[in-house]
């Protein structure tokens, strides 16, 4: 029977986003299919019973984060994947996963990156559980087109296996874990304006740069040089608009070049990236605000004013740059003013 909106006794992700639990194969197949795409779900033994559950959090109009567990050895066969990428982070058990011509056994500490249009089939062990990030194909392709400054002649196809054994894989898996944890907190830092869009953009960019795919060599290849004037325009824009939400597309437009070339220019002439430069400008402005603060000002006020969504990360970055916590800077300012 299908049950909705229950609570799960065992600690699992997204407990406030329970979509269904079910012991019936057809009900589970239908419910999961409405979130992802129509697929076949069948038991690997006649005597098996199902203990399925899915937690589903709509993140933006283009993405969702999901927890899925079948509680039985099953075959899941979507066939050619729809117009979305699924990054399936293995939380427990093991799943034999085929995506196109690639076949890998995915274990905890790994994820399967499934690409649109590729034939997908999975063999789930009974104890398997996944955290699944689903993102629309068009958004990922748009980001890659922006970085390459060219149309894509063929669909993006990622290597199926992402592993925490690599620095890029480990970083992405940490980021999606943080994403899940923040969705389980109300309020969390993702509730701030533009925060969730910025975080999702970072997830997609990290995926494109860190997980190998058929455009990786072109993306990571030597970019065209950017004249210092182009870099200067971006720096001036950042200084003037540091309190606002700024995307990579905004900066590439100001530079009047591709995002890839802009990144190359900053690396060559400034030894940093545009987004790290933006962070440093915001930290410097925050320090000035704290040093000139009026009575009643809090560190949280200044943190939010300059676009830092998570206080802990702001405090750590501030201390790394200036050698003291922002609260110490504010306290010293109040002491000088006799407050």
Protein backbone atom coordinates (compact mmCIF):
# COMPACT_ATOMS: atom_id res chain seq x y z
CA UNK A 1 0.00 0.00 0.00
CA UNK A 2 1.15 3.56 -0.73
CA UNK A 3 1.59 5.88 2.25
CA UNK A 4 2.46 9.59 2.04
CA UNK A 5 3.84 12.16 4.48
CA UNK A 6 5.07 9.82 7.20
CA UNK A 7 8.18 10.03 9.39
CA UNK A 8 11.00 7.52 9.23
CA UNK A 9 12.42 6.19 12.52
CA UNK A 10 15.90 5.69 11.11
CA UNK A 11 17.97 8.81 10.41
CA UNK A 12 17.86 9.35 6.66
CA UNK A 13 18.11 12.53 4.57
CA UNK A 14 15.23 14.88 3.80
CA UNK A 15 12.86 13.55 6.44
CA UNK A 16 10.58 16.56 6.03
CA UNK A 17 10.17 15.74 2.35
CA UNK A 18 8.72 12.21 2.39
CA UNK A 19 7.04 11.55 -0.96
CA UNK A 20 5.90 7.98 -0.40
CA UNK A 21 6.51 4.61 1.19
CA UNK A 22 5.16 1.46 -0.43
CA UNK A 23 5.28 -2.33 -0.38
CA UNK A 24 3.82 -2.60 -3.92
CA UNK A 25 6.04 -2.68 -7.01
CA UNK A 26 3.56 -0.97 -9.33
CA UNK A 27 2.92 1.88 -6.87
CA UNK A 28 6.63 2.48 -6.29
CA UNK A 29 7.33 2.36 -10.03
CA UNK A 30 4.59 4.91 -10.72
CA UNK A 31 5.62 7.30 -7.91
CA UNK A 32 9.34 7.30 -8.78
CA UNK A 33 8.48 7.58 -12.49
CA UNK A 34 6.52 10.79 -11.89
CA UNK A 35 9.61 12.40 -10.37
CA UNK A 36 12.17 11.15 -12.91
CA UNK A 37 10.83 9.34 -15.97
CA UNK A 38 8.79 6.21 -16.80
CA UNK A 39 10.79 3.05 -16.13
CA UNK A 40 10.57 -0.67 -15.40
CA UNK A 41 10.87 -1.89 -11.80
CA UNK A 42 10.92 -5.62 -11.16
CA UNK A 43 12.02 -7.95 -8.35
CA UNK A 44 15.06 -10.17 -8.79
CA UNK A 45 13.28 -13.03 -6.99
CA UNK A 46 9.68 -14.23 -6.92
CA UNK A 47 9.66 -14.34 -3.12
CA UNK A 48 10.93 -10.81 -2.58
CA UNK A 49 8.87 -8.13 -0.88
CA UNK A 50 9.32 -4.41 -1.31
CA UNK A 51 9.93 -1.81 1.39
CA UNK A 52 10.36 1.26 -0.78
CA UNK A 53 10.51 4.90 0.19
CA UNK A 54 11.35 8.15 -1.56
CA UNK A 55 12.01 11.59 -0.10
CA UNK A 56 11.76 14.40 -2.65
CA UNK A 57 12.81 18.04 -2.17
CA UNK A 58 12.21 20.43 -5.06
CA UNK A 59 15.26 22.69 -4.96
CA UNK A 60 14.59 25.05 -7.89
CA UNK A 61 12.38 24.87 -10.97
CA UNK A 62 15.21 23.00 -12.68
CA UNK A 63 16.40 20.60 -9.98
CA UNK A 64 15.54 18.35 -7.05
CA UNK A 65 17.31 16.37 -4.35
CA UNK A 66 15.96 12.90 -3.56
CA UNK A 67 16.50 9.97 -1.22
CA UNK A 68 15.55 6.53 -2.62
CA UNK A 69 15.54 3.09 -1.01
CA UNK A 70 13.78 -0.06 -2.26
CA UNK A 71 14.62 -2.48 0.55
CA UNK A 72 14.81 -5.36 -1.89
CA UNK A 73 16.98 -6.70 -4.71
CA UNK A 74 15.45 -5.08 -7.77
CA UNK A 75 16.16 -4.23 -11.39
CA UNK A 76 15.45 -0.61 -12.35
CA UNK A 77 15.47 0.09 -16.08
CA UNK A 78 14.62 3.62 -17.27
CA UNK A 79 16.02 2.94 -20.74
CA UNK A 80 17.26 6.13 -22.45
CA UNK A 81 17.35 8.80 -19.76
CA UNK A 82 15.13 11.88 -20.20
CA UNK A 83 16.21 15.52 -20.44
CA UNK A 84 18.02 15.58 -17.09
CA UNK A 85 21.25 14.50 -15.44
CA UNK A 86 21.05 12.27 -12.37
CA UNK A 87 24.00 12.14 -9.99
CA UNK A 88 23.31 9.14 -7.76
CA UNK A 89 25.35 9.25 -4.55
CA UNK A 90 25.59 5.78 -3.02
CA UNK A 91 24.78 6.00 0.69
CA UNK A 92 24.55 2.27 1.45
CA UNK A 93 24.80 -1.06 -0.36
CA UNK A 94 25.94 -1.45 -3.94
CA UNK A 95 24.29 -0.89 -7.33
CA UNK A 96 25.50 -2.36 -10.61
CA UNK A 97 24.88 0.51 -13.01
CA UNK A 98 24.90 0.66 -16.79
CA UNK A 99 24.79 4.01 -18.60
CA UNK A 100 25.31 3.73 -22.33
CA UNK A 101 28.37 1.52 -22.91
CA UNK A 102 29.70 2.11 -19.39
CA UNK A 103 29.04 -0.40 -16.61
CA UNK A 104 30.28 0.16 -13.05
CA UNK A 105 29.53 -1.19 -9.59
CA UNK A 106 28.78 1.85 -7.41
CA UNK A 107 29.57 1.62 -3.67
CA UNK A 108 29.48 4.10 -0.75
CA UNK A 109 32.00 6.89 -1.29
CA UNK A 110 31.09 6.89 -4.99
CA UNK A 111 28.38 8.24 -7.25
CA UNK A 112 27.00 7.34 -10.67
CA UNK A 113 26.70 10.27 -13.08
CA UNK A 114 23.92 9.43 -15.54
CA UNK A 115 23.69 11.42 -18.76
CA UNK A 116 20.55 12.22 -20.81
CA UNK A 117 19.85 10.04 -23.83
CA UNK A 118 22.05 7.19 -22.61
CA UNK A 119 20.45 3.78 -21.96
CA UNK A 120 20.32 3.18 -18.19
CA UNK A 121 19.80 -0.05 -16.25
CA UNK A 122 20.55 -0.76 -12.58
CA UNK A 123 20.73 -3.80 -10.34
CA UNK A 124 20.05 -2.76 -6.73
CA UNK A 125 21.17 -4.84 -3.76
CA UNK A 126 18.61 -5.11 -0.95
CA UNK A 127 20.45 -2.73 1.40
CA UNK A 128 21.09 -0.05 -1.24
CA UNK A 129 20.15 3.58 -0.69
CA UNK A 130 20.91 6.67 -2.77
CA UNK A 131 20.90 10.44 -2.53
CA UNK A 132 20.00 11.58 -6.06
CA UNK A 133 20.59 15.09 -7.43
CA UNK A 134 18.50 15.68 -10.55
CA UNK A 135 19.26 18.72 -12.72
CA UNK A 136 17.75 19.74 -16.07
CA UNK A 137 19.84 19.08 -19.13
CA UNK A 138 19.36 22.58 -20.54
CA UNK A 139 20.85 24.30 -17.48
CA UNK A 140 24.01 22.17 -17.58
CA UNK A 141 24.36 22.62 -21.35
CA UNK A 142 23.84 26.38 -21.01
CA UNK A 143 26.68 26.61 -18.48
CA UNK A 144 28.99 24.62 -20.73
CA UNK A 145 28.09 26.70 -23.80
CA UNK A 146 28.85 29.84 -21.79
CA UNK A 147 32.24 28.50 -20.70
CA UNK A 148 33.20 27.31 -24.20
CA UNK A 149 31.56 30.22 -26.06
CA UNK A 150 30.33 27.79 -28.70
CA UNK A 151 27.38 25.53 -29.48
CA UNK A 152 27.54 21.90 -28.46
CA UNK A 153 27.65 19.59 -31.46
CA UNK A 154 26.74 16.52 -29.44
CA UNK A 155 25.16 15.83 -26.04
CA UNK A 156 27.29 15.95 -22.90
CA UNK A 157 28.22 12.43 -21.77
CA UNK A 158 29.97 12.14 -18.41
CA UNK A 159 32.13 9.29 -17.20
CA UNK A 160 29.74 7.29 -15.08
CA UNK A 161 31.93 6.84 -11.98
CA UNK A 162 32.57 9.69 -9.55
CA UNK A 163 34.74 8.71 -6.59
CA UNK A 164 35.89 10.31 -3.37
CA UNK A 165 39.34 8.91 -4.22
CA UNK A 166 39.87 11.92 -6.49
CA UNK A 167 40.10 15.48 -5.14
CA UNK A 168 37.42 16.73 -7.54
CA UNK A 169 35.08 13.86 -6.74
CA UNK A 170 35.58 14.21 -3.00
CA UNK A 171 34.92 17.95 -3.21
CA UNK A 172 31.70 17.51 -5.16
CA UNK A 173 30.45 14.80 -2.80
CA UNK A 174 31.15 17.06 0.20
CA UNK A 175 29.23 19.87 -1.50
CA UNK A 176 26.15 17.75 -2.19
CA UNK A 177 26.27 16.48 1.39
CA UNK A 178 26.26 20.09 2.63
CA UNK A 179 23.40 20.83 0.23
CA UNK A 180 21.36 17.99 1.72
CA UNK A 181 22.15 19.01 5.30
CA UNK A 182 21.06 22.59 4.66
CA UNK A 183 17.78 21.43 3.13
CA UNK A 184 17.19 19.54 6.39
CA UNK A 185 17.65 22.77 8.40
CA UNK A 186 14.95 25.44 8.65
CA UNK A 187 16.11 28.12 8.38
CA UNK A 188 19.38 27.31 6.62
CA UNK A 189 21.76 29.50 4.67
CA UNK A 190 20.04 28.52 1.41
CA UNK A 191 17.04 30.59 2.46
CA UNK A 192 18.89 33.82 1.73
CA UNK A 193 18.09 35.58 -1.58
CA UNK A 194 20.05 34.13 -4.51
CA UNK A 195 21.90 31.72 -2.20
CA UNK A 196 20.40 28.54 -3.61
CA UNK A 197 20.96 29.70 -7.21
CA UNK A 198 24.59 30.53 -6.49
CA UNK A 199 25.16 27.23 -4.72
CA UNK A 200 23.57 25.27 -7.56
CA UNK A 201 25.70 27.14 -10.10
CA UNK A 202 28.80 26.08 -8.13
CA UNK A 203 27.61 22.46 -8.11
CA UNK A 204 27.16 22.44 -11.88
CA UNK A 205 30.43 24.25 -12.62
CA UNK A 206 32.33 21.87 -10.31
CA UNK A 207 30.70 18.94 -12.08
CA UNK A 208 31.70 20.27 -15.50
CA UNK A 209 35.29 20.99 -14.47
CA UNK A 210 35.85 18.07 -12.12
CA UNK A 211 33.98 15.11 -13.64
CA UNK A 212 35.39 13.92 -16.97
CA UNK A 213 33.10 14.16 -20.00
CA UNK A 214 33.37 14.38 -23.78
CA UNK A 215 34.09 18.14 -23.67
CA UNK A 216 36.67 18.03 -20.87
CA UNK A 217 39.76 18.42 -23.05
CA UNK A 218 38.27 21.45 -24.79
CA UNK A 219 37.10 22.97 -21.51
CA UNK A 220 40.37 22.43 -19.66
CA UNK A 221 42.60 23.27 -22.63
CA UNK A 222 44.66 26.39 -22.98
CA UNK A 223 42.31 29.37 -23.22
CA UNK A 224 42.92 32.48 -25.29
CA UNK A 225 44.77 35.24 -23.47
CA UNK A 226 42.71 38.09 -22.03
CA UNK A 227 44.08 41.59 -22.25
CA UNK A 228 44.70 43.35 -18.92
CA UNK A 229 42.01 45.89 -19.84
CA UNK A 230 39.41 43.13 -19.85
CA UNK A 231 40.51 41.97 -16.44
CA UNK A 232 40.44 45.56 -15.17
CA UNK A 233 36.83 46.00 -16.33
CA UNK A 234 35.78 42.93 -14.37
CA UNK A 235 37.68 44.11 -11.29
CA UNK A 236 36.02 47.55 -11.48
CA UNK A 237 32.59 45.97 -11.87
CA UNK A 238 33.15 43.69 -8.88
CA UNK A 239 34.28 46.56 -6.67
CA UNK A 240 31.23 48.63 -7.65
CA UNK A 241 28.67 45.84 -7.26
CA UNK A 242 30.17 43.53 -4.63
CA UNK A 243 27.04 43.67 -2.46
CA UNK A 244 24.88 42.35 -5.31
CA UNK A 245 24.47 38.82 -6.67
CA UNK A 246 27.10 38.41 -9.40
CA UNK A 247 27.20 35.40 -11.72
CA UNK A 248 29.91 34.16 -14.04
CA UNK A 249 27.72 35.22 -16.99
CA UNK A 250 27.58 38.76 -15.60
CA UNK A 251 31.36 38.94 -15.41
CA UNK A 252 31.90 37.40 -18.85
CA UNK A 253 29.52 39.99 -20.30
CA UNK A 254 31.46 42.83 -18.64
CA UNK A 255 34.75 41.34 -19.88
CA UNK A 256 33.23 40.97 -23.37
CA UNK A 257 34.83 37.55 -23.69
CA UNK A 258 34.09 33.94 -22.86
CA UNK A 259 34.01 32.80 -19.25
CA UNK A 260 36.84 30.42 -20.03
CA UNK A 261 39.04 33.22 -21.36
CA UNK A 262 38.10 35.45 -18.44
CA UNK A 263 39.22 32.75 -15.97
CA UNK A 264 42.44 32.35 -17.95
CA UNK A 265 43.06 36.10 -17.84
CA UNK A 266 42.61 36.30 -14.09
CA UNK A 267 44.88 33.31 -13.55
CA UNK A 268 47.56 34.78 -15.81
CA UNK A 269 47.48 38.41 -14.68
CA UNK A 270 46.16 38.19 -11.10
CA UNK A 271 47.01 34.66 -9.98
CA UNK A 272 43.42 34.06 -8.83
CA UNK A 273 39.91 33.51 -10.18
CA UNK A 274 37.16 36.12 -10.63
CA UNK A 275 35.03 34.55 -7.90
CA UNK A 276 37.93 34.45 -5.43
CA UNK A 277 38.63 38.09 -6.28
CA UNK A 278 34.96 38.85 -5.56
CA UNK A 279 35.20 37.06 -2.22
CA UNK A 280 38.33 39.02 -1.26
CA UNK A 281 36.65 42.34 -2.15
CA UNK A 282 33.63 41.40 -0.04
CA UNK A 283 35.86 40.41 2.89
CA UNK A 284 37.75 43.71 2.67
CA UNK A 285 34.49 45.68 2.57
CA UNK A 286 33.15 43.69 5.51
CA UNK A 287 36.28 44.52 7.51
CA UNK A 288 35.86 48.23 6.78
CA UNK A 289 32.22 48.07 7.89
CA UNK A 290 33.20 46.32 11.12
CA UNK A 291 35.96 48.85 11.83
CA UNK A 292 33.54 51.74 11.27
CA UNK A 293 30.49 50.07 12.83
CA UNK A 294 27.85 52.03 14.73
CA UNK A 295 26.47 50.80 18.07
CA UNK A 296 24.01 47.97 17.56
CA UNK A 297 25.80 46.56 14.52
CA UNK A 298 26.29 42.81 14.58
CA UNK A 299 28.70 40.59 12.68
CA UNK A 300 25.68 38.80 11.21
CA UNK A 301 24.43 42.12 9.77
CA UNK A 302 27.75 42.72 8.02
CA UNK A 303 28.05 39.10 6.90
CA UNK A 304 24.66 39.23 5.14
CA UNK A 305 25.26 42.72 3.70
CA UNK A 306 28.24 41.46 1.72
CA UNK A 307 26.67 38.31 0.33
CA UNK A 308 28.05 35.70 2.73
CA UNK A 309 25.27 33.17 3.25
CA UNK A 310 26.85 31.03 5.96
CA UNK A 311 28.27 32.74 9.03
CA UNK A 312 30.75 29.97 9.88
CA UNK A 313 32.35 30.05 6.46
CA UNK A 314 32.48 33.85 6.54
CA UNK A 315 34.21 33.84 9.92
CA UNK A 316 36.75 31.23 8.79
CA UNK A 317 37.56 33.08 5.54
CA UNK A 318 37.80 36.38 7.45
CA UNK A 319 40.23 34.95 9.99
CA UNK A 320 42.34 33.34 7.24
CA UNK A 321 42.65 36.71 5.45
CA UNK A 322 43.02 39.10 8.39
CA UNK A 323 44.32 36.93 11.21
CA UNK A 324 41.41 37.52 13.59
CA UNK A 325 37.73 36.70 13.86
CA UNK A 326 35.25 39.37 12.71
CA UNK A 327 33.84 39.56 16.25
CA UNK A 328 37.29 40.70 17.48
CA UNK A 329 37.38 43.46 14.84
CA UNK A 330 33.91 44.64 15.86
CA UNK A 331 34.74 44.51 19.58
CA UNK A 332 37.87 46.60 19.02
CA UNK A 333 35.85 49.16 17.06
CA UNK A 334 33.27 49.43 19.86
CA UNK A 335 36.06 49.77 22.46
CA UNK A 336 37.65 52.65 20.52
CA UNK A 337 34.30 54.44 20.45
CA UNK A 338 33.74 53.86 24.16
CA UNK A 339 30.83 51.41 23.79
